[in-house]
Protein backbone atom coordinates (compact mmCIF):
# COMPACT_ATOMS: atom_id res chain seq x y z
CA MET A 1 39.38 0.72 -7.35
CA THR A 2 36.57 0.07 -9.53
CA GLU A 3 32.52 -0.04 -9.74
CA SER A 4 33.01 -3.53 -8.28
CA SER A 5 34.70 -2.35 -4.81
CA ASP A 6 33.74 -2.82 -1.36
CA VAL A 7 33.53 0.94 -0.80
CA VAL A 8 32.10 2.02 -4.00
CA ARG A 9 29.42 -0.27 -4.08
CA TRP A 10 28.77 1.08 -0.45
CA LEU A 11 28.57 4.31 -1.16
CA ARG A 12 25.96 3.47 -4.24
CA ALA A 13 24.11 1.30 -1.92
CA GLU A 14 24.15 4.23 0.66
CA ARG A 15 23.30 6.80 -2.41
CA ALA A 16 19.98 4.36 -2.92
CA ASN A 17 19.02 3.58 0.38
CA ARG A 18 19.03 7.80 1.11
CA GLY A 19 17.02 8.31 -2.17
CA LEU A 20 19.93 10.85 -3.10
CA ALA A 21 20.55 12.16 -6.40
CA ARG A 22 24.16 12.21 -5.41
CA ILE A 23 26.91 10.69 -3.58
CA GLU A 24 30.50 12.23 -3.35
CA LEU A 25 33.33 10.89 -1.50
CA SER A 26 36.77 12.83 -1.50
CA ALA A 27 39.82 11.55 0.44
CA ALA A 28 43.31 12.45 0.88
CA LEU A 29 46.67 11.53 2.26
CA LYS A 30 48.81 14.39 3.02
CA TYR A 31 52.68 15.01 3.64
CA ARG A 32 53.99 11.64 3.66
CA GLY A 33 50.79 10.16 4.93
CA GLU A 34 50.79 11.48 8.20
CA ILE A 35 47.30 13.08 7.26
CA TYR A 36 44.34 11.48 6.25
CA ASP A 37 41.19 13.12 5.64
CA ASP A 38 37.77 12.16 3.93
CA THR A 39 34.08 13.48 3.56
CA LEU A 40 31.50 12.75 1.99
CA LEU A 41 28.98 14.94 0.09
CA PHE A 42 24.99 14.39 -0.28
CA THR A 43 22.96 15.72 -2.79
CA ALA A 44 19.40 15.60 -2.27
CA PRO A 45 16.76 15.48 -5.33
CA ASP A 46 16.14 18.96 -4.37
CA GLY A 47 19.41 19.99 -4.57
CA THR A 48 20.28 20.22 -1.09
CA LEU A 49 23.42 19.56 0.50
CA THR A 50 24.87 17.67 3.62
CA PHE A 51 28.26 16.51 4.77
CA GLY A 52 29.26 13.44 6.29
CA THR A 53 32.40 10.73 7.23
CA LEU A 54 32.71 7.45 5.84
CA PRO A 55 32.09 4.39 8.51
CA ASP A 56 35.08 2.88 9.96
CA GLU A 57 35.20 0.00 8.21
CA GLN A 58 34.91 1.98 4.15
CA ARG A 59 37.30 4.54 6.20
CA THR A 60 39.75 1.60 7.02
CA GLN A 61 39.89 0.41 3.47
CA VAL A 62 40.23 3.82 1.97
CA GLN A 63 42.58 4.81 3.95
CA ALA A 64 44.95 1.64 3.36
CA LEU A 65 44.22 2.05 -0.67
CA LEU A 66 45.61 5.63 -0.05
CA HIS A 67 48.51 4.42 1.93
CA GLN A 68 49.29 1.66 -0.72
CA HIS A 69 49.45 3.92 -3.50
CA HIS A 70 51.90 6.25 -1.47
CA ALA A 71 53.77 3.41 -0.91
CA GLU A 72 54.59 2.35 -4.33
CA GLU A 73 56.81 5.71 -5.11
CA THR A 74 57.47 8.15 -2.05
CA ALA A 75 58.22 10.91 -4.56
CA ARG A 76 54.12 11.12 -5.35
CA GLY A 77 53.65 13.72 -2.10
CA ASN A 78 49.68 14.14 -1.44
CA ILE A 79 47.25 11.90 -2.86
CA GLU A 80 44.00 12.35 -3.41
CA LEU A 81 41.10 9.93 -4.11
CA SER A 82 37.37 11.19 -5.44
CA VAL A 83 34.19 8.79 -6.47
CA VAL A 84 31.31 10.49 -7.12
CA CYS A 85 28.20 8.05 -7.69
CA GLU A 86 24.82 9.74 -9.21
CA ALA A 87 21.92 8.37 -9.90
CA THR A 88 21.17 8.49 -13.68
CA SER A 89 25.39 6.92 -14.45
CA ALA A 90 28.11 4.96 -13.51
CA PRO A 91 30.18 5.75 -10.84
CA SER A 92 33.51 8.29 -11.49
CA ILE A 93 36.49 7.52 -9.86
CA ARG A 94 39.57 9.42 -9.65
CA LEU A 95 42.78 8.82 -8.16
CA THR A 96 45.40 11.40 -8.36
CA ASP A 97 48.68 12.64 -6.74
CA GLU A 98 51.18 15.33 -6.96
CA LEU A 99 53.35 13.67 -9.50
CA GLN A 100 50.72 12.87 -11.61
CA ARG A 101 49.24 16.21 -11.70
CA HIS A 102 52.48 17.91 -11.81
CA ARG A 103 52.88 16.35 -15.16
CA ALA A 104 49.48 16.77 -16.13
CA GLU A 105 49.99 20.50 -15.77
CA GLN A 106 53.17 20.43 -17.65
CA GLU A 107 51.27 18.80 -20.84
CA GLN A 108 48.83 21.30 -20.44
CA ALA A 109 51.58 24.55 -20.43
CA ARG A 110 53.28 23.10 -23.13
CA ALA A 111 50.16 22.81 -25.38
CA GLU A 112 49.09 26.59 -24.41
CA ALA A 113 52.68 28.06 -24.54
CA HIS A 114 53.17 30.50 -27.38
CA PHE A 115 55.73 32.79 -27.55
CA ASP A 116 57.17 35.14 -30.45
CA THR A 117 59.87 33.13 -32.51
CA ARG A 118 61.13 35.71 -34.20
CA PRO A 119 64.87 37.61 -33.79
CA TYR A 120 64.82 40.79 -31.99
CA GLY A 121 66.96 41.68 -34.79
CA ARG A 122 70.02 45.01 -34.56
CA ALA A 123 67.59 47.73 -34.40
CA LEU A 124 66.23 46.60 -31.23
CA ALA A 125 69.23 45.55 -29.90
CA GLN A 126 71.13 48.94 -30.84
CA ARG A 127 68.50 50.81 -29.04
CA VAL A 128 68.91 48.35 -25.65
CA ALA A 129 72.72 48.92 -25.87
CA GLU A 130 72.08 52.91 -26.23
CA ILE A 131 70.18 52.57 -22.76
CA LEU A 132 72.91 50.90 -21.24
CA ASP A 133 75.68 53.14 -22.70
CA ALA A 134 73.98 55.97 -20.96
CA GLY A 135 74.25 54.06 -17.67
CA GLY A 136 70.57 52.75 -17.47
CA GLU A 137 69.99 49.00 -16.82
CA LEU A 138 67.40 46.96 -17.71
CA SER A 139 65.92 44.73 -15.01
CA VAL A 140 62.66 42.33 -14.83
CA THR A 141 61.58 40.85 -11.60
CA ILE A 142 62.04 36.81 -11.06
CA ASP A 143 61.02 36.68 -7.29
CA PRO A 144 59.76 39.62 -5.41
CA ARG A 145 60.06 38.27 -2.07
CA GLU A 146 63.91 37.41 -2.13
CA GLY A 147 64.67 40.67 -4.81
CA LEU A 148 66.12 38.88 -7.70
CA LEU A 149 65.80 40.17 -10.83
CA ARG A 150 67.03 39.50 -14.22
CA ALA A 151 68.99 41.56 -15.93
CA LEU A 152 71.11 43.62 -18.54
CA TRP A 153 73.84 46.29 -17.27
CA LYS A 154 77.51 47.55 -18.04
CA PRO A 155 79.66 45.96 -14.93
CA ASP A 156 82.12 48.91 -16.54
CA SER A 157 82.79 50.71 -19.29
CA GLY A 158 84.35 48.00 -21.71
CA THR A 159 81.70 45.33 -21.11
CA TYR A 160 78.18 44.10 -21.24
CA ALA A 161 76.77 41.86 -18.98
CA TYR A 162 73.53 39.58 -18.84
CA GLY A 163 72.39 37.49 -15.53
CA LEU A 164 70.66 38.05 -12.10
CA ARG A 165 71.02 41.23 -10.24
CA TYR A 166 69.69 41.09 -6.38
CA ALA A 167 68.29 43.57 -3.86
CA GLN A 168 71.36 43.68 -1.78
CA GLY A 169 73.42 44.52 -4.37
CA ASP A 170 75.07 41.54 -5.39
CA SER A 171 74.85 40.22 -9.67
CA GLU A 172 75.43 37.09 -11.38
CA ALA A 173 76.45 37.10 -14.32
CA LEU A 174 75.26 34.73 -16.80
CA VAL A 175 77.01 35.77 -19.65
CA THR A 176 79.31 39.32 -20.67
CA PHE A 177 80.04 40.65 -23.63
CA ALA A 178 83.79 42.18 -24.60
CA SER A 179 82.10 44.62 -26.78
CA ARG A 180 79.34 46.57 -28.02
CA ASP A 181 78.76 45.02 -30.90
CA GLU A 182 79.20 41.39 -29.56
CA PHE A 183 76.33 42.65 -26.96
CA ILE A 184 74.05 43.52 -29.81
CA ARG A 185 74.94 40.75 -32.15
CA TRP A 186 73.94 38.50 -29.26
CA LEU A 187 70.78 39.90 -28.21
CA ALA A 188 69.92 40.84 -32.23
CA GLU A 189 69.61 36.84 -32.68
CA ARG A 190 67.21 36.23 -29.56
CA SER A 191 63.79 36.22 -29.38
CA ASP A 192 60.55 35.49 -26.94
CA GLU A 193 60.91 32.14 -27.02
CA VAL A 194 64.54 31.78 -26.23
CA PHE A 195 64.38 33.99 -23.29
CA ALA A 196 61.40 32.48 -21.80
CA LYS A 197 62.58 28.80 -21.80
CA GLU A 198 66.54 28.90 -21.47
CA ASP A 199 66.51 28.32 -17.40
CA ARG A 200 64.15 25.53 -17.49
CA PRO A 201 63.74 23.96 -20.93
CA ASP A 202 62.20 20.84 -19.80
CA ASP A 203 59.32 22.70 -17.23
CA PRO A 204 56.61 24.63 -19.34
CA LEU A 205 55.22 25.53 -15.82
CA ALA A 206 58.22 27.96 -15.29
CA TRP A 207 58.71 28.92 -19.36
CA GLY A 208 58.18 32.98 -19.42
CA HIS A 209 58.71 33.59 -15.41
CA GLY A 210 60.37 36.33 -15.06
CA THR A 211 62.16 37.13 -18.38
CA PHE A 212 62.73 39.72 -20.99
CA ASP A 213 60.44 39.69 -24.54
CA ARG A 214 59.79 42.39 -27.17
CA ALA A 215 57.22 44.07 -25.39
CA PHE A 216 59.40 45.05 -22.88
CA PHE A 217 62.08 46.23 -24.44
CA ALA A 218 59.28 47.97 -26.85
CA ARG A 219 58.44 49.78 -23.58
CA LYS A 220 61.40 50.44 -22.34
CA THR A 221 63.31 52.22 -25.47
CA GLY A 222 60.14 54.23 -25.75
CA GLN A 223 59.39 52.48 -29.67
CA ARG A 224 57.67 50.56 -31.73
CA SER A 225 58.93 46.79 -31.74
C-alpha cells in the first residue's frame, strides 16, 4: 500500500470532503485469518472524535491486502494495518505482523539490556555455600502459576546442585557439584550477565527473567555484595 493506493486516496478524499483535521484507519486480521476488523477514527478541527467503518468496496480491498500478506508466511500470526491522513502532511502507512513486532521488541530489548559482568568472587560464593551447608535453599520464581523456581540446594550431605524446583516437590538439577570447593569455584566465576542470558541467549526478551543476581545474593547473605 502506497499514497496512490485506492484505499489511501479514498481516505484522503473522505478527510477533505468532511472537512476533517485527521482520519485514521486501523485494520487487523487476527488468529490465522479467522477474524477481520476495521475502524475509522475521525478528528474534527476542534478535536472532536467520532468513529466509523469502511464502505464495502474499500473494506474488501483492505481485507484482501491483509489476507495476501498473511498467506506469504503462516508464522506471521496477527497482522495490523494503520493509515493516518492529516490535513497538513502526507499519509502515514504502517503494516506490521507479529513476526516483525517480535523482532523489533528483541532488538529494543537487546539494546536496552545491561547486566553486571563482574564475577561474583569467592567471598560471595562462600557465603552462599554456608547457607546451603546449614540446610537452606536459595530460589527465585520463574513462573508463579506453575510453581516453578530456579534454585540452589544440596541434594544430599556431599553434593550441591543448581537447577529447577517445582511446587509439588520435584526438582531437576541442571548442574551438580561433587564438593563444596567445586561449587564455590563455579559460583565465584559467574555473574549477573551469565545467569541472565544462559537459558535463552538469543532471546533478549527473556533475559534476566527469574534469574539470580548479585543483589539477590547480597540480600540473602545479609552482607554487601
